[in-house]
């Protein structure tokens, strides 16, 4: 497992104490205060490496690609890379269906969403691959539709914060529950995959600076999935593939690269998703 560009990552946690300032047009995580660092059902050897004050977040109106959106923003002041952070919100106590129908009228005009969808699939903010020292933002959604106003946001309050992080060669998922003000660690821990040693694997460069979660090999295909990737990681990996001679009949875009090996025996398809921070590759025999 390489620690390269980003220390490979994240041991960590989060803790965000709760309070949605009533009547305000933004939501943020307050300082930890005397919030208890209680961890439920977790291995006692696991330590919290990301303090609440190291990962301040806000949800507030802003502009995204020239359009009004409610933006979920996170600043990573820790030394670790966060591969994914997700804020789930819920309706405030006392909010009636009529309140939601009024404030969400512009969204409910669409045929693909109903009031039941808004009530059952509440507001979410998601970000992927937040490097140390970096602030990232992405629009909040309700049932895949973007929030557009402070009034829509003000009906909701923080419910659960989920952080996926890497500690050494393991990928952990940790939760912070705003109701109980407590942490819990998912029982599923993903270990980094080791790069194969066979002849075919030596033809395909091993990715660096990302966390490889799944490697699949068969007679006709070698593939891998990785998280914690950025656009720069994608470009760097494409360059490594070019240097390895995988350049015949090539196509290169902002998030896609495909080409054949010089002898025409294999075809490579590499893709990158900014939304999920994932890097995927398929190396197929022809």
C-alpha atoms as a PDB file:
ATOM      1  CA  UNK A   1       0.000   0.000   0.000  1.00  0.00           C
ATOM      2  CA  UNK A   2       1.467   3.304  -1.005  1.00  0.00           C
ATOM      3  CA  UNK A   3       1.235   6.351   1.111  1.00  0.00           C
ATOM      4  CA  UNK A   4       2.480   8.722  -1.594  1.00  0.00           C
ATOM      5  CA  UNK A   5       0.771  11.880  -2.428  1.00  0.00           C
ATOM      6  CA  UNK A   6      -1.644  11.863   0.405  1.00  0.00           C
ATOM      7  CA  UNK A   7      -0.432   9.921   3.335  1.00  0.00           C
ATOM      8  CA  UNK A   8      -2.884   7.443   2.192  1.00  0.00           C
ATOM      9  CA  UNK A   9      -5.201   8.537   4.260  1.00  0.00           C
ATOM     10  CA  UNK A  10      -7.532   8.781   6.778  1.00  0.00           C
ATOM     11  CA  UNK A  11      -7.767   7.460  10.130  1.00  0.00           C
ATOM     12  CA  UNK A  12     -10.587   9.152  11.486  1.00  0.00           C
ATOM     13  CA  UNK A  13     -13.704  10.394  12.476  1.00  0.00           C
ATOM     14  CA  UNK A  14     -15.901  12.915  12.899  1.00  0.00           C
ATOM     15  CA  UNK A  15     -17.922  14.415  15.355  1.00  0.00           C
ATOM     16  CA  UNK A  16     -20.105  17.205  14.703  1.00  0.00           C
ATOM     17  CA  UNK A  17     -22.264  18.488  17.479  1.00  0.00           C
ATOM     18  CA  UNK A  18     -25.603  19.610  16.483  1.00  0.00           C
ATOM     19  CA  UNK A  19     -27.723  22.681  16.165  1.00  0.00           C
ATOM     20  CA  UNK A  20     -29.465  24.102  13.232  1.00  0.00           C
ATOM     21  CA  UNK A  21     -29.822  27.741  14.055  1.00  0.00           C
ATOM     22  CA  UNK A  22     -33.542  28.309  13.914  1.00  0.00           C
ATOM     23  CA  UNK A  23     -34.636  30.879  11.387  1.00  0.00           C
ATOM     24  CA  UNK A  24     -31.174  31.205   9.840  1.00  0.00           C
ATOM     25  CA  UNK A  25     -30.396  30.657   6.176  1.00  0.00           C
ATOM     26  CA  UNK A  26     -27.466  28.314   6.682  1.00  0.00           C
ATOM     27  CA  UNK A  27     -26.551  25.175   8.566  1.00  0.00           C
ATOM     28  CA  UNK A  28     -23.132  24.449  10.015  1.00  0.00           C
ATOM     29  CA  UNK A  29     -21.434  22.239  12.547  1.00  0.00           C
ATOM     30  CA  UNK A  30     -20.697  24.037  15.801  1.00  0.00           C
ATOM     31  CA  UNK A  31     -17.551  23.451  17.835  1.00  0.00           C
ATOM     32  CA  UNK A  32     -17.326  20.239  19.778  1.00  0.00           C
ATOM     33  CA  UNK A  33     -17.799  21.876  23.163  1.00  0.00           C
ATOM     34  CA  UNK A  34     -18.266  19.146  25.750  1.00  0.00           C
ATOM     35  CA  UNK A  35     -19.646  16.674  23.241  1.00  0.00           C
ATOM     36  CA  UNK A  36     -18.777  13.175  24.324  1.00  0.00           C
ATOM     37  CA  UNK A  37     -16.473  11.174  22.074  1.00  0.00           C
ATOM     38  CA  UNK A  38     -18.512   8.053  22.737  1.00  0.00           C
ATOM     39  CA  UNK A  39     -18.072   5.264  20.236  1.00  0.00           C
ATOM     40  CA  UNK A  40     -20.700   2.581  19.995  1.00  0.00           C
ATOM     41  CA  UNK A  41     -19.886  -0.990  18.970  1.00  0.00           C
ATOM     42  CA  UNK A  42     -16.375  -0.216  17.799  1.00  0.00           C
ATOM     43  CA  UNK A  43     -12.970  -1.749  18.275  1.00  0.00           C
ATOM     44  CA  UNK A  44     -11.397  -0.013  21.267  1.00  0.00           C
ATOM     45  CA  UNK A  45      -8.081   0.129  19.431  1.00  0.00           C
ATOM     46  CA  UNK A  46      -9.563   2.491  16.849  1.00  0.00           C
ATOM     47  CA  UNK A  47      -8.741   6.108  17.654  1.00  0.00           C
ATOM     48  CA  UNK A  48     -10.428   9.214  16.407  1.00  0.00           C
ATOM     49  CA  UNK A  49      -7.927  11.095  14.271  1.00  0.00           C
ATOM     50  CA  UNK A  50     -10.222  13.756  12.856  1.00  0.00           C
ATOM     51  CA  UNK A  51     -11.680  16.072  15.461  1.00  0.00           C
ATOM     52  CA  UNK A  52     -14.923  17.908  14.820  1.00  0.00           C
ATOM     53  CA  UNK A  53     -13.013  21.171  14.693  1.00  0.00           C
ATOM     54  CA  UNK A  54     -10.758  19.755  11.969  1.00  0.00           C
ATOM     55  CA  UNK A  55     -13.634  19.206   9.543  1.00  0.00           C
ATOM     56  CA  UNK A  56     -15.919  22.258   9.590  1.00  0.00           C
ATOM     57  CA  UNK A  57     -18.870  22.060   7.206  1.00  0.00           C
ATOM     58  CA  UNK A  58     -21.670  24.353   6.137  1.00  0.00           C
ATOM     59  CA  UNK A  59     -24.849  24.065   4.094  1.00  0.00           C
ATOM     60  CA  UNK A  60     -25.934  27.423   2.739  1.00  0.00           C
ATOM     61  CA  UNK A  61     -27.168  29.171  -0.421  1.00  0.00           C
ATOM     62  CA  UNK A  62     -24.566  29.783  -3.111  1.00  0.00           C
ATOM     63  CA  UNK A  63     -23.932  29.732  -6.846  1.00  0.00           C
ATOM     64  CA  UNK A  64     -22.939  26.617  -8.771  1.00  0.00           C
ATOM     65  CA  UNK A  65     -22.284  26.864 -12.512  1.00  0.00           C
ATOM     66  CA  UNK A  66     -24.228  30.108 -12.612  1.00  0.00           C
ATOM     67  CA  UNK A  67     -27.304  28.699 -10.874  1.00  0.00           C
ATOM     68  CA  UNK A  68     -28.648  29.235  -7.364  1.00  0.00           C
ATOM     69  CA  UNK A  69     -28.058  26.175  -5.234  1.00  0.00           C
ATOM     70  CA  UNK A  70     -27.774  25.234  -1.568  1.00  0.00           C
ATOM     71  CA  UNK A  71     -24.120  24.224  -1.271  1.00  0.00           C
ATOM     72  CA  UNK A  72     -22.676  21.620   1.087  1.00  0.00           C
ATOM     73  CA  UNK A  73     -19.084  22.662   1.838  1.00  0.00           C
ATOM     74  CA  UNK A  74     -16.392  20.889   3.859  1.00  0.00           C
ATOM     75  CA  UNK A  75     -12.899  22.031   4.788  1.00  0.00           C
ATOM     76  CA  UNK A  76     -10.475  19.274   5.694  1.00  0.00           C
ATOM     77  CA  UNK A  77      -8.065  20.714   8.254  1.00  0.00           C
ATOM     78  CA  UNK A  78      -6.774  17.272   9.236  1.00  0.00           C
ATOM     79  CA  UNK A  79      -3.681  15.513   7.908  1.00  0.00           C
ATOM     80  CA  UNK A  80      -5.747  12.768   6.317  1.00  0.00           C
ATOM     81  CA  UNK A  81      -7.618  12.279   3.066  1.00  0.00           C
ATOM     82  CA  UNK A  82     -11.350  11.785   3.454  1.00  0.00           C
ATOM     83  CA  UNK A  83     -12.596   9.568   0.645  1.00  0.00           C
ATOM     84  CA  UNK A  84     -16.280  10.370   1.204  1.00  0.00           C
ATOM     85  CA  UNK A  85     -18.382  12.497   3.534  1.00  0.00           C
ATOM     86  CA  UNK A  86     -22.178  12.490   3.524  1.00  0.00           C
ATOM     87  CA  UNK A  87     -24.614  14.618   5.534  1.00  0.00           C
ATOM     88  CA  UNK A  88     -28.153  13.271   5.871  1.00  0.00           C
ATOM     89  CA  UNK A  89     -30.796  15.646   7.173  1.00  0.00           C
ATOM     90  CA  UNK A  90     -34.344  15.193   8.441  1.00  0.00           C
ATOM     91  CA  UNK A  91     -37.404  17.385   8.777  1.00  0.00           C
ATOM     92  CA  UNK A  92     -37.505  19.544  11.881  1.00  0.00           C
ATOM     93  CA  UNK A  93     -40.061  18.706  14.509  1.00  0.00           C
ATOM     94  CA  UNK A  94     -43.326  20.479  13.849  1.00  0.00           C
ATOM     95  CA  UNK A  95     -42.870  20.842  10.081  1.00  0.00           C
ATOM     96  CA  UNK A  96     -46.117  19.942   8.326  1.00  0.00           C
ATOM     97  CA  UNK A  97     -46.599  18.478   4.867  1.00  0.00           C
ATOM     98  CA  UNK A  98     -48.232  21.731   3.771  1.00  0.00           C
ATOM     99  CA  UNK A  99     -45.030  23.597   4.698  1.00  0.00           C
ATOM    100  CA  UNK A 100     -42.985  21.287   2.495  1.00  0.00           C
ATOM    101  CA  UNK A 101     -45.425  21.531  -0.410  1.00  0.00           C
ATOM    102  CA  UNK A 102     -45.276  25.322  -0.281  1.00  0.00           C
ATOM    103  CA  UNK A 103     -41.509  25.724  -0.035  1.00  0.00           C
ATOM    104  CA  UNK A 104     -40.720  22.918  -2.507  1.00  0.00           C
ATOM    105  CA  UNK A 105     -43.312  23.930  -5.099  1.00  0.00           C
ATOM    106  CA  UNK A 106     -40.689  24.520  -7.818  1.00  0.00           C
ATOM    107  CA  UNK A 107     -39.227  21.020  -7.354  1.00  0.00           C
ATOM    108  CA  UNK A 108     -42.619  19.318  -7.014  1.00  0.00           C
ATOM    109  CA  UNK A 109     -43.623  20.723 -10.423  1.00  0.00           C
ATOM    110  CA  UNK A 110     -41.467  17.961 -11.924  1.00  0.00           C
ATOM    111  CA  UNK A 111     -43.142  14.689 -12.894  1.00  0.00           C
ATOM    112  CA  UNK A 112     -40.276  12.660 -11.401  1.00  0.00           C
ATOM    113  CA  UNK A 113     -40.781  13.655  -7.775  1.00  0.00           C
ATOM    114  CA  UNK A 114     -43.721  13.625  -5.366  1.00  0.00           C
ATOM    115  CA  UNK A 115     -44.282  15.004  -1.889  1.00  0.00           C
ATOM    116  CA  UNK A 116     -43.804  11.463  -0.539  1.00  0.00           C
ATOM    117  CA  UNK A 117     -40.357  11.391  -2.131  1.00  0.00           C
ATOM    118  CA  UNK A 118     -39.373  14.601  -0.339  1.00  0.00           C
ATOM    119  CA  UNK A 119     -40.679  13.314   2.982  1.00  0.00           C
ATOM    120  CA  UNK A 120     -39.072   9.858   2.704  1.00  0.00           C
ATOM    121  CA  UNK A 121     -35.809  10.759   0.913  1.00  0.00           C
ATOM    122  CA  UNK A 122     -34.673  13.923   2.705  1.00  0.00           C
ATOM    123  CA  UNK A 123     -31.915  16.422   2.096  1.00  0.00           C
ATOM    124  CA  UNK A 124     -28.432  15.042   1.490  1.00  0.00           C
ATOM    125  CA  UNK A 125     -25.007  16.634   1.022  1.00  0.00           C
ATOM    126  CA  UNK A 126     -22.211  14.464  -0.400  1.00  0.00           C
ATOM    127  CA  UNK A 127     -18.551  15.118  -1.206  1.00  0.00           C
ATOM    128  CA  UNK A 128     -15.784  12.769  -2.347  1.00  0.00           C
ATOM    129  CA  UNK A 129     -12.006  12.861  -1.933  1.00  0.00           C
ATOM    130  CA  UNK A 130     -11.408  15.850   0.310  1.00  0.00           C
ATOM    131  CA  UNK A 131      -7.639  16.249   0.532  1.00  0.00           C
ATOM    132  CA  UNK A 132      -5.945  17.833   3.566  1.00  0.00           C
ATOM    133  CA  UNK A 133      -6.095  21.619   3.483  1.00  0.00           C
ATOM    134  CA  UNK A 134      -8.777  21.631   0.794  1.00  0.00           C
ATOM    135  CA  UNK A 135     -12.330  23.020   0.822  1.00  0.00           C
ATOM    136  CA  UNK A 136     -14.832  21.363  -1.516  1.00  0.00           C
ATOM    137  CA  UNK A 137     -18.461  22.195  -2.248  1.00  0.00           C
ATOM    138  CA  UNK A 138     -21.314  20.456  -4.018  1.00  0.00           C
ATOM    139  CA  UNK A 139     -25.059  21.176  -4.180  1.00  0.00           C
ATOM    140  CA  UNK A 140     -27.372  19.579  -1.629  1.00  0.00           C
ATOM    141  CA  UNK A 141     -30.108  17.382  -3.060  1.00  0.00           C
ATOM    142  CA  UNK A 142     -33.515  16.069  -2.122  1.00  0.00           C
ATOM    143  CA  UNK A 143     -34.424  12.887  -4.014  1.00  0.00           C
ATOM    144  CA  UNK A 144     -31.722  13.769  -6.613  1.00  0.00           C
ATOM    145  CA  UNK A 145     -33.085  17.314  -7.175  1.00  0.00           C
ATOM    146  CA  UNK A 146     -30.946  20.314  -6.222  1.00  0.00           C
ATOM    147  CA  UNK A 147     -32.079  22.580  -3.408  1.00  0.00           C
ATOM    148  CA  UNK A 148     -32.338  26.175  -4.592  1.00  0.00           C
ATOM    149  CA  UNK A 149     -33.212  28.330  -1.569  1.00  0.00           C
ATOM    150  CA  UNK A 150     -32.565  28.930   2.117  1.00  0.00           C
ATOM    151  CA  UNK A 151     -36.265  28.390   2.809  1.00  0.00           C
ATOM    152  CA  UNK A 152     -36.001  24.804   1.548  1.00  0.00           C
ATOM    153  CA  UNK A 153     -32.983  24.141   3.733  1.00  0.00           C
ATOM    154  CA  UNK A 154     -34.533  25.680   6.851  1.00  0.00           C
ATOM    155  CA  UNK A 155     -37.150  22.925   7.074  1.00  0.00           C
ATOM    156  CA  UNK A 156     -34.411  20.396   7.835  1.00  0.00           C
ATOM    157  CA  UNK A 157     -31.919  19.674  10.602  1.00  0.00           C
ATOM    158  CA  UNK A 158     -28.782  17.463  10.634  1.00  0.00           C
ATOM    159  CA  UNK A 159     -29.497  13.789  11.277  1.00  0.00           C
ATOM    160  CA  UNK A 160     -26.452  11.632  10.450  1.00  0.00           C
ATOM    161  CA  UNK A 161     -22.941  12.333   9.201  1.00  0.00           C
ATOM    162  CA  UNK A 162     -21.043   9.516   7.482  1.00  0.00           C
ATOM    163  CA  UNK A 163     -17.324   9.646   6.803  1.00  0.00           C
ATOM    164  CA  UNK A 164     -15.393   7.065   4.846  1.00  0.00           C
ATOM    165  CA  UNK A 165     -11.676   7.181   5.443  1.00  0.00           C
ATOM    166  CA  UNK A 166      -8.548   5.131   5.055  1.00  0.00           C
ATOM    167  CA  UNK A 167      -6.239   4.231   7.892  1.00  0.00           C
ATOM    168  CA  UNK A 168      -3.132   2.459   6.665  1.00  0.00           C
ATOM    169  CA  UNK A 169      -4.321  -0.276   4.318  1.00  0.00           C
ATOM    170  CA  UNK A 170      -7.927  -0.349   5.555  1.00  0.00           C
ATOM    171  CA  UNK A 171     -11.017   1.602   4.569  1.00  0.00           C
ATOM    172  CA  UNK A 172     -13.382   2.457   7.420  1.00  0.00           C
ATOM    173  CA  UNK A 173     -16.871   3.930   7.534  1.00  0.00           C
ATOM    174  CA  UNK A 174     -17.834   5.904  10.609  1.00  0.00           C
ATOM    175  CA  UNK A 175     -21.068   7.598  11.632  1.00  0.00           C
ATOM    176  CA  UNK A 176     -21.987  10.508  13.849  1.00  0.00           C
ATOM    177  CA  UNK A 177     -25.572  10.538  15.127  1.00  0.00           C
ATOM    178  CA  UNK A 178     -26.803  14.053  15.879  1.00  0.00           C
ATOM    179  CA  UNK A 179     -29.700  12.794  18.001  1.00  0.00           C
ATOM    180  CA  UNK A 180     -27.557  10.830  20.455  1.00  0.00           C
ATOM    181  CA  UNK A 181     -24.365  12.824  19.821  1.00  0.00           C
ATOM    182  CA  UNK A 182     -22.415   9.583  19.520  1.00  0.00           C
ATOM    183  CA  UNK A 183     -20.153   7.781  17.080  1.00  0.00           C
ATOM    184  CA  UNK A 184     -20.318   4.299  15.654  1.00  0.00           C
ATOM    185  CA  UNK A 185     -18.062   2.360  13.319  1.00  0.00           C
ATOM    186  CA  UNK A 186     -19.376   0.161  10.537  1.00  0.00           C
ATOM    187  CA  UNK A 187     -18.521  -3.488  11.073  1.00  0.00           C
ATOM    188  CA  UNK A 188     -17.444  -3.810   7.444  1.00  0.00           C
ATOM    189  CA  UNK A 189     -13.797  -2.877   6.993  1.00  0.00           C
ATOM    190  CA  UNK A 190     -12.346  -2.985   3.477  1.00  0.00           C
ATOM    191  CA  UNK A 191      -8.700  -3.943   3.034  1.00  0.00           C
ATOM    192  CA  UNK A 192      -6.628  -2.578   0.187  1.00  0.00           C
ATOM    193  CA  UNK A 193      -6.096  -5.035  -2.651  1.00  0.00           C
ATOM    194  CA  UNK A 194      -2.551  -6.054  -3.507  1.00  0.00           C
ATOM    195  CA  UNK A 195      -1.476  -5.714  -7.123  1.00  0.00           C
ATOM    196  CA  UNK A 196      -1.258  -9.062  -8.942  1.00  0.00           C
ATOM    197  CA  UNK A 197       2.120 -10.522  -9.863  1.00  0.00           C
ATOM    198  CA  UNK A 198       1.203 -12.282 -13.108  1.00  0.00           C
ATOM    199  CA  UNK A 199       2.604 -11.353 -16.493  1.00  0.00           C
ATOM    200  CA  UNK A 200      -0.541  -9.527 -17.647  1.00  0.00           C
ATOM    201  CA  UNK A 201      -0.616  -7.354 -14.518  1.00  0.00           C
ATOM    202  CA  UNK A 202       2.938  -6.258 -15.256  1.00  0.00           C
ATOM    203  CA  UNK A 203       1.736  -4.784 -18.559  1.00  0.00           C
ATOM    204  CA  UNK A 204      -0.809  -2.559 -16.804  1.00  0.00           C
ATOM    205  CA  UNK A 205       0.607   0.153 -14.491  1.00  0.00           C
ATOM    206  CA  UNK A 206      -0.354  -0.053 -10.839  1.00  0.00           C
ATOM    207  CA  UNK A 207      -2.334   3.056  -9.779  1.00  0.00           C
ATOM    208  CA  UNK A 208      -0.725   5.325  -7.196  1.00  0.00           C
ATOM    209  CA  UNK A 209      -2.206   7.827  -4.760  1.00  0.00           C
ATOM    210  CA  UNK A 210      -5.567   6.049  -4.639  1.00  0.00           C
ATOM    211  CA  UNK A 211      -7.040   3.246  -2.538  1.00  0.00           C
ATOM    212  CA  UNK A 212      -7.640   0.119  -4.614  1.00  0.00           C
ATOM    213  CA  UNK A 213     -10.732  -1.597  -3.218  1.00  0.00           C
ATOM    214  CA  UNK A 214     -11.306  -4.377  -5.725  1.00  0.00           C
ATOM    215  CA  UNK A 215      -9.154  -6.248  -8.231  1.00  0.00           C
ATOM    216  CA  UNK A 216     -10.757  -8.863 -10.455  1.00  0.00           C
ATOM    217  CA  UNK A 217      -8.857 -11.251 -12.676  1.00  0.00           C
ATOM    218  CA  UNK A 218     -10.129 -13.792 -15.181  1.00  0.00           C
ATOM    219  CA  UNK A 219      -8.855 -15.411 -18.351  1.00  0.00           C
ATOM    220  CA  UNK A 220     -10.058 -12.473 -20.439  1.00  0.00           C
ATOM    221  CA  UNK A 221      -9.974  -9.489 -18.047  1.00  0.00           C
ATOM    222  CA  UNK A 222      -8.010  -7.695 -15.357  1.00  0.00           C
ATOM    223  CA  UNK A 223      -9.936  -4.872 -13.691  1.00  0.00           C
ATOM    224  CA  UNK A 224      -9.722  -2.686 -10.616  1.00  0.00           C
ATOM    225  CA  UNK A 225     -11.832  -0.185  -8.717  1.00  0.00           C
ATOM    226  CA  UNK A 226     -10.289   2.549  -6.582  1.00  0.00           C
ATOM    227  CA  UNK A 227     -11.618   5.328  -4.366  1.00  0.00           C
ATOM    228  CA  UNK A 228     -10.071   8.540  -3.068  1.00  0.00           C
ATOM    229  CA  UNK A 229      -9.240   9.659  -6.616  1.00  0.00           C
ATOM    230  CA  UNK A 230      -9.085  13.170  -8.047  1.00  0.00           C
ATOM    231  CA  UNK A 231      -8.947  14.461 -11.615  1.00  0.00           C
ATOM    232  CA  UNK A 232      -5.187  14.817 -11.162  1.00  0.00           C
ATOM    233  CA  UNK A 233      -4.938  11.137 -10.191  1.00  0.00           C
ATOM    234  CA  UNK A 234      -6.832  10.189 -13.343  1.00  0.00           C
ATOM    235  CA  UNK A 235      -4.523  12.274 -15.545  1.00  0.00           C
ATOM    236  CA  UNK A 236      -1.426  10.881 -13.823  1.00  0.00           C
ATOM    237  CA  UNK A 237      -2.612   7.305 -14.321  1.00  0.00           C
ATOM    238  CA  UNK A 238      -3.385   7.910 -17.995  1.00  0.00           C
ATOM    239  CA  UNK A 239       0.141   9.249 -18.460  1.00  0.00           C
ATOM    240  CA  UNK A 240       1.578   6.116 -16.828  1.00  0.00           C
ATOM    241  CA  UNK A 241      -0.468   3.974 -19.215  1.00  0.00           C
ATOM    242  CA  UNK A 242       0.832   5.965 -22.169  1.00  0.00           C
ATOM    243  CA  UNK A 243       4.407   5.518 -20.954  1.00  0.00           C
ATOM    244  CA  UNK A 244       3.714   1.767 -20.765  1.00  0.00           C
ATOM    245  CA  UNK A 245       2.890   1.822 -24.469  1.00  0.00           C
ATOM    246  CA  UNK A 246      -0.902   1.577 -24.230  1.00  0.00           C
ATOM    247  CA  UNK A 247      -1.502   4.183 -26.914  1.00  0.00           C
ATOM    248  CA  UNK A 248      -2.841   2.492 -30.072  1.00  0.00           C
ATOM    249  CA  UNK A 249      -6.208   3.742 -31.380  1.00  0.00           C
ATOM    250  CA  UNK A 250      -6.483   5.895 -28.286  1.00  0.00           C
ATOM    251  CA  UNK A 251      -9.198   8.270 -27.104  1.00  0.00           C
ATOM    252  CA  UNK A 252      -8.663  10.680 -24.205  1.00  0.00           C
ATOM    253  CA  UNK A 253     -11.263  12.843 -22.470  1.00  0.00           C
ATOM    254  CA  UNK A 254     -11.610  14.597 -19.122  1.00  0.00           C
ATOM    255  CA  UNK A 255     -12.817  11.404 -17.432  1.00  0.00           C
ATOM    256  CA  UNK A 256     -12.225   8.614 -19.957  1.00  0.00           C
ATOM    257  CA  UNK A 257      -9.265   6.997 -21.689  1.00  0.00           C
ATOM    258  CA  UNK A 258      -9.134   3.917 -23.857  1.00  0.00           C
ATOM    259  CA  UNK A 259      -6.418   2.426 -26.048  1.00  0.00           C
ATOM    260  CA  UNK A 260      -4.845  -0.830 -27.197  1.00  0.00           C
ATOM    261  CA  UNK A 261      -1.419  -2.208 -26.389  1.00  0.00           C
ATOM    262  CA  UNK A 262       1.236  -2.030 -29.098  1.00  0.00           C
ATOM    263  CA  UNK A 263       0.799  -5.686 -30.027  1.00  0.00           C
ATOM    264  CA  UNK A 264      -2.987  -5.398 -30.071  1.00  0.00           C
ATOM    265  CA  UNK A 265      -3.441  -8.192 -27.517  1.00  0.00           C
ATOM    266  CA  UNK A 266      -5.138  -6.027 -24.869  1.00  0.00           C
ATOM    267  CA  UNK A 267      -7.504  -3.089 -24.716  1.00  0.00           C
ATOM    268  CA  UNK A 268      -7.615  -0.682 -21.775  1.00  0.00           C
ATOM    269  CA  UNK A 269     -10.625   1.365 -20.647  1.00  0.00           C
ATOM    270  CA  UNK A 270     -10.084   3.809 -17.757  1.00  0.00           C
ATOM    271  CA  UNK A 271     -12.814   6.022 -16.313  1.00  0.00           C
ATOM    272  CA  UNK A 272     -13.029   8.582 -13.516  1.00  0.00           C
ATOM    273  CA  UNK A 273     -16.013   9.947 -11.598  1.00  0.00           C
ATOM    274  CA  UNK A 274     -15.634  13.309  -9.901  1.00  0.00           C
ATOM    275  CA  UNK A 275     -18.876  12.779  -7.974  1.00  0.00           C
ATOM    276  CA  UNK A 276     -17.814   9.509  -6.338  1.00  0.00           C
ATOM    277  CA  UNK A 277     -14.046  10.049  -6.436  1.00  0.00           C
ATOM    278  CA  UNK A 278     -13.635   6.676  -8.131  1.00  0.00           C
ATOM    279  CA  UNK A 279     -11.115   5.423 -10.669  1.00  0.00           C
ATOM    280  CA  UNK A 280     -11.956   2.263 -12.626  1.00  0.00           C
ATOM    281  CA  UNK A 281     -10.068   0.313 -15.264  1.00  0.00           C
ATOM    282  CA  UNK A 282     -10.704  -2.730 -17.482  1.00  0.00           C
ATOM    283  CA  UNK A 283      -7.818  -4.445 -19.249  1.00  0.00           C
ATOM    284  CA  UNK A 284      -9.361  -6.933 -21.689  1.00  0.00           C
ATOM    285  CA  UNK A 285      -7.811  -9.555 -23.923  1.00  0.00           C
ATOM    286  CA  UNK A 286      -8.731  -9.157 -27.598  1.00  0.00           C
END
